[in-house]
N, C-alpha and C. Protein backbone atom coordinates (compact mmCIF):
# COMPACT_ATOMS: atom_id res chain seq x y z
N MET A 1 -0.76 7.66 -8.30
CA MET A 1 -1.51 7.45 -6.99
C MET A 1 -0.95 7.19 -5.48
N ARG A 2 -1.72 7.84 -4.88
CA ARG A 2 -0.72 8.40 -3.04
C ARG A 2 -0.53 7.05 -2.31
N PRO A 3 0.53 6.70 -1.79
CA PRO A 3 0.16 6.15 -0.88
C PRO A 3 -0.71 5.50 0.30
N TYR A 4 -1.50 7.26 0.06
CA TYR A 4 -2.77 6.62 1.36
C TYR A 4 -3.96 5.88 1.01
N ASP A 5 -4.07 6.62 -0.42
CA ASP A 5 -5.14 6.29 -1.43
C ASP A 5 -4.69 4.72 -1.51
N ILE A 6 -3.59 3.75 -1.99
CA ILE A 6 -3.31 2.37 -1.90
C ILE A 6 -3.89 1.71 -0.30
N ILE A 7 -3.25 2.23 0.74
CA ILE A 7 -3.36 1.86 1.85
C ILE A 7 -5.28 1.92 1.98
N LYS A 8 -5.78 2.78 1.70
CA LYS A 8 -7.35 2.82 2.16
C LYS A 8 -8.24 2.18 1.59
N LYS A 9 -7.78 1.86 -0.08
CA LYS A 9 -8.40 1.02 -0.85
C LYS A 9 -8.50 -0.30 -0.33
N LYS A 10 -6.98 -0.64 0.05
CA LYS A 10 -6.89 -2.28 1.21
C LYS A 10 -7.91 -2.69 2.09
N ARG A 11 -7.45 -1.21 2.87
CA ARG A 11 -8.06 -1.17 4.57
C ARG A 11 -9.96 -1.14 4.25
N ASP A 12 -10.01 -0.75 2.42
CA ASP A 12 -11.67 -0.90 2.69
C ASP A 12 -12.02 -2.34 2.31
N GLY A 13 -10.98 -3.07 1.98
CA GLY A 13 -11.48 -4.31 1.50
C GLY A 13 -11.62 -4.57 -0.35
N LEU A 14 -11.04 -3.38 -0.71
CA LEU A 14 -10.91 -3.27 -2.45
C LEU A 14 -9.76 -4.00 -2.79
N GLU A 15 -9.87 -4.90 -3.96
CA GLU A 15 -8.34 -5.30 -4.04
C GLU A 15 -7.54 -4.68 -5.16
N LEU A 16 -6.41 -4.55 -4.85
CA LEU A 16 -5.63 -3.88 -5.81
C LEU A 16 -4.69 -4.35 -6.97
N THR A 17 -4.84 -3.67 -8.09
CA THR A 17 -4.06 -3.83 -8.46
C THR A 17 -2.69 -4.73 -8.84
N ASP A 18 -2.21 -5.07 -9.95
CA ASP A 18 -0.60 -5.33 -9.30
C ASP A 18 -0.07 -4.09 -9.26
N THR A 19 -0.09 -2.57 -10.47
CA THR A 19 0.17 -2.21 -10.80
C THR A 19 0.79 -1.86 -9.61
N GLU A 20 -0.48 -0.68 -8.89
CA GLU A 20 -0.45 -0.39 -7.92
C GLU A 20 0.22 -0.88 -6.37
N ILE A 21 0.35 -1.89 -6.87
CA ILE A 21 1.17 -2.88 -5.77
C ILE A 21 2.41 -2.45 -6.19
N ARG A 22 2.75 -2.61 -7.68
CA ARG A 22 4.18 -2.34 -7.87
C ARG A 22 4.54 -1.40 -7.52
N ASP A 23 3.55 0.28 -7.56
CA ASP A 23 3.95 1.41 -7.69
C ASP A 23 4.34 1.90 -5.95
N PHE A 24 3.83 0.66 -5.15
CA PHE A 24 4.00 1.26 -4.03
C PHE A 24 5.72 0.38 -3.11
N ILE A 25 5.48 -0.16 -4.03
CA ILE A 25 6.98 -1.47 -3.67
C ILE A 25 8.27 -0.41 -4.45
N ALA A 26 7.72 -0.20 -5.09
CA ALA A 26 8.89 0.58 -6.06
C ALA A 26 8.76 2.01 -4.90
N GLY A 27 8.15 2.69 -4.62
CA GLY A 27 8.47 3.49 -4.06
C GLY A 27 8.58 3.60 -2.82
N TYR A 28 8.88 2.38 -1.90
CA TYR A 28 9.20 2.21 -0.69
C TYR A 28 10.35 2.12 -0.99
N VAL A 29 11.31 1.27 -2.07
CA VAL A 29 12.36 0.71 -1.89
C VAL A 29 13.09 2.35 -2.61
N ALA A 30 12.28 3.16 -3.32
CA ALA A 30 12.99 4.57 -3.72
C ALA A 30 12.93 5.34 -2.76
N GLY A 31 12.78 5.00 -1.26
CA GLY A 31 12.54 6.19 -0.13
C GLY A 31 11.59 7.12 -0.26
N ASP A 32 10.70 7.27 -1.28
CA ASP A 32 9.81 8.01 -1.11
C ASP A 32 8.47 7.63 -0.39
N ILE A 33 8.54 6.17 -0.07
CA ILE A 33 6.96 5.88 0.62
C ILE A 33 7.83 5.43 2.37
N PRO A 34 7.15 6.24 3.07
CA PRO A 34 7.98 6.15 4.60
C PRO A 34 7.86 4.87 5.03
N ASP A 35 8.80 4.59 6.16
CA ASP A 35 8.21 3.28 6.98
C ASP A 35 6.97 2.65 7.37
N TYR A 36 5.93 3.80 7.73
CA TYR A 36 4.86 4.37 8.81
C TYR A 36 3.77 3.96 7.53
N GLN A 37 4.34 4.46 6.56
CA GLN A 37 3.06 3.36 4.92
C GLN A 37 2.92 2.37 5.15
N ALA A 38 4.65 1.70 4.75
CA ALA A 38 4.79 0.31 4.23
C ALA A 38 4.04 -0.48 5.20
N ALA A 39 4.12 -0.07 6.69
CA ALA A 39 3.41 -0.71 8.23
C ALA A 39 1.79 -0.89 7.81
N ALA A 40 1.15 0.27 7.25
CA ALA A 40 -0.22 0.65 7.01
C ALA A 40 -0.50 -0.59 6.05
N LEU A 41 -0.09 -0.59 4.74
CA LEU A 41 -0.20 -1.73 4.54
C LEU A 41 0.13 -2.95 4.27
N CYS A 42 0.75 -2.54 5.36
CA CYS A 42 0.83 -4.36 5.12
C CYS A 42 -0.13 -4.67 6.51
N MET A 43 -0.19 -3.63 7.19
CA MET A 43 -1.39 -3.49 8.21
C MET A 43 -3.06 -3.92 8.23
N ALA A 44 -3.22 -3.39 6.86
CA ALA A 44 -4.35 -3.70 5.56
C ALA A 44 -4.21 -4.93 5.04
N PHE A 45 -3.16 -5.54 4.75
CA PHE A 45 -3.27 -6.95 4.17
C PHE A 45 -3.03 -7.83 5.54
N THR A 46 -2.96 -8.30 6.34
CA THR A 46 -3.36 -8.38 7.28
C THR A 46 -4.80 -9.10 8.12
N PHE A 47 -5.71 -7.23 8.56
CA PHE A 47 -6.78 -7.43 7.98
C PHE A 47 -7.11 -7.86 6.86
N ARG A 48 -7.69 -8.24 5.91
CA ARG A 48 -8.35 -8.43 4.26
C ARG A 48 -7.74 -8.99 4.05
N ALA A 49 -6.81 -9.74 4.04
CA ALA A 49 -6.38 -10.68 2.70
C ALA A 49 -7.81 -11.41 2.58
């Protein structure tokens, strides 16, 4: 799943699976996901916690 799809899913109020969260974090740590997408996911978590 693309990072954008994970961000959009959370932004829309849906629950993320453990696998989606792990894959996003692994992609970020590996440098495959840029900072601005990680920031967008953090913002989605803040607004839709």
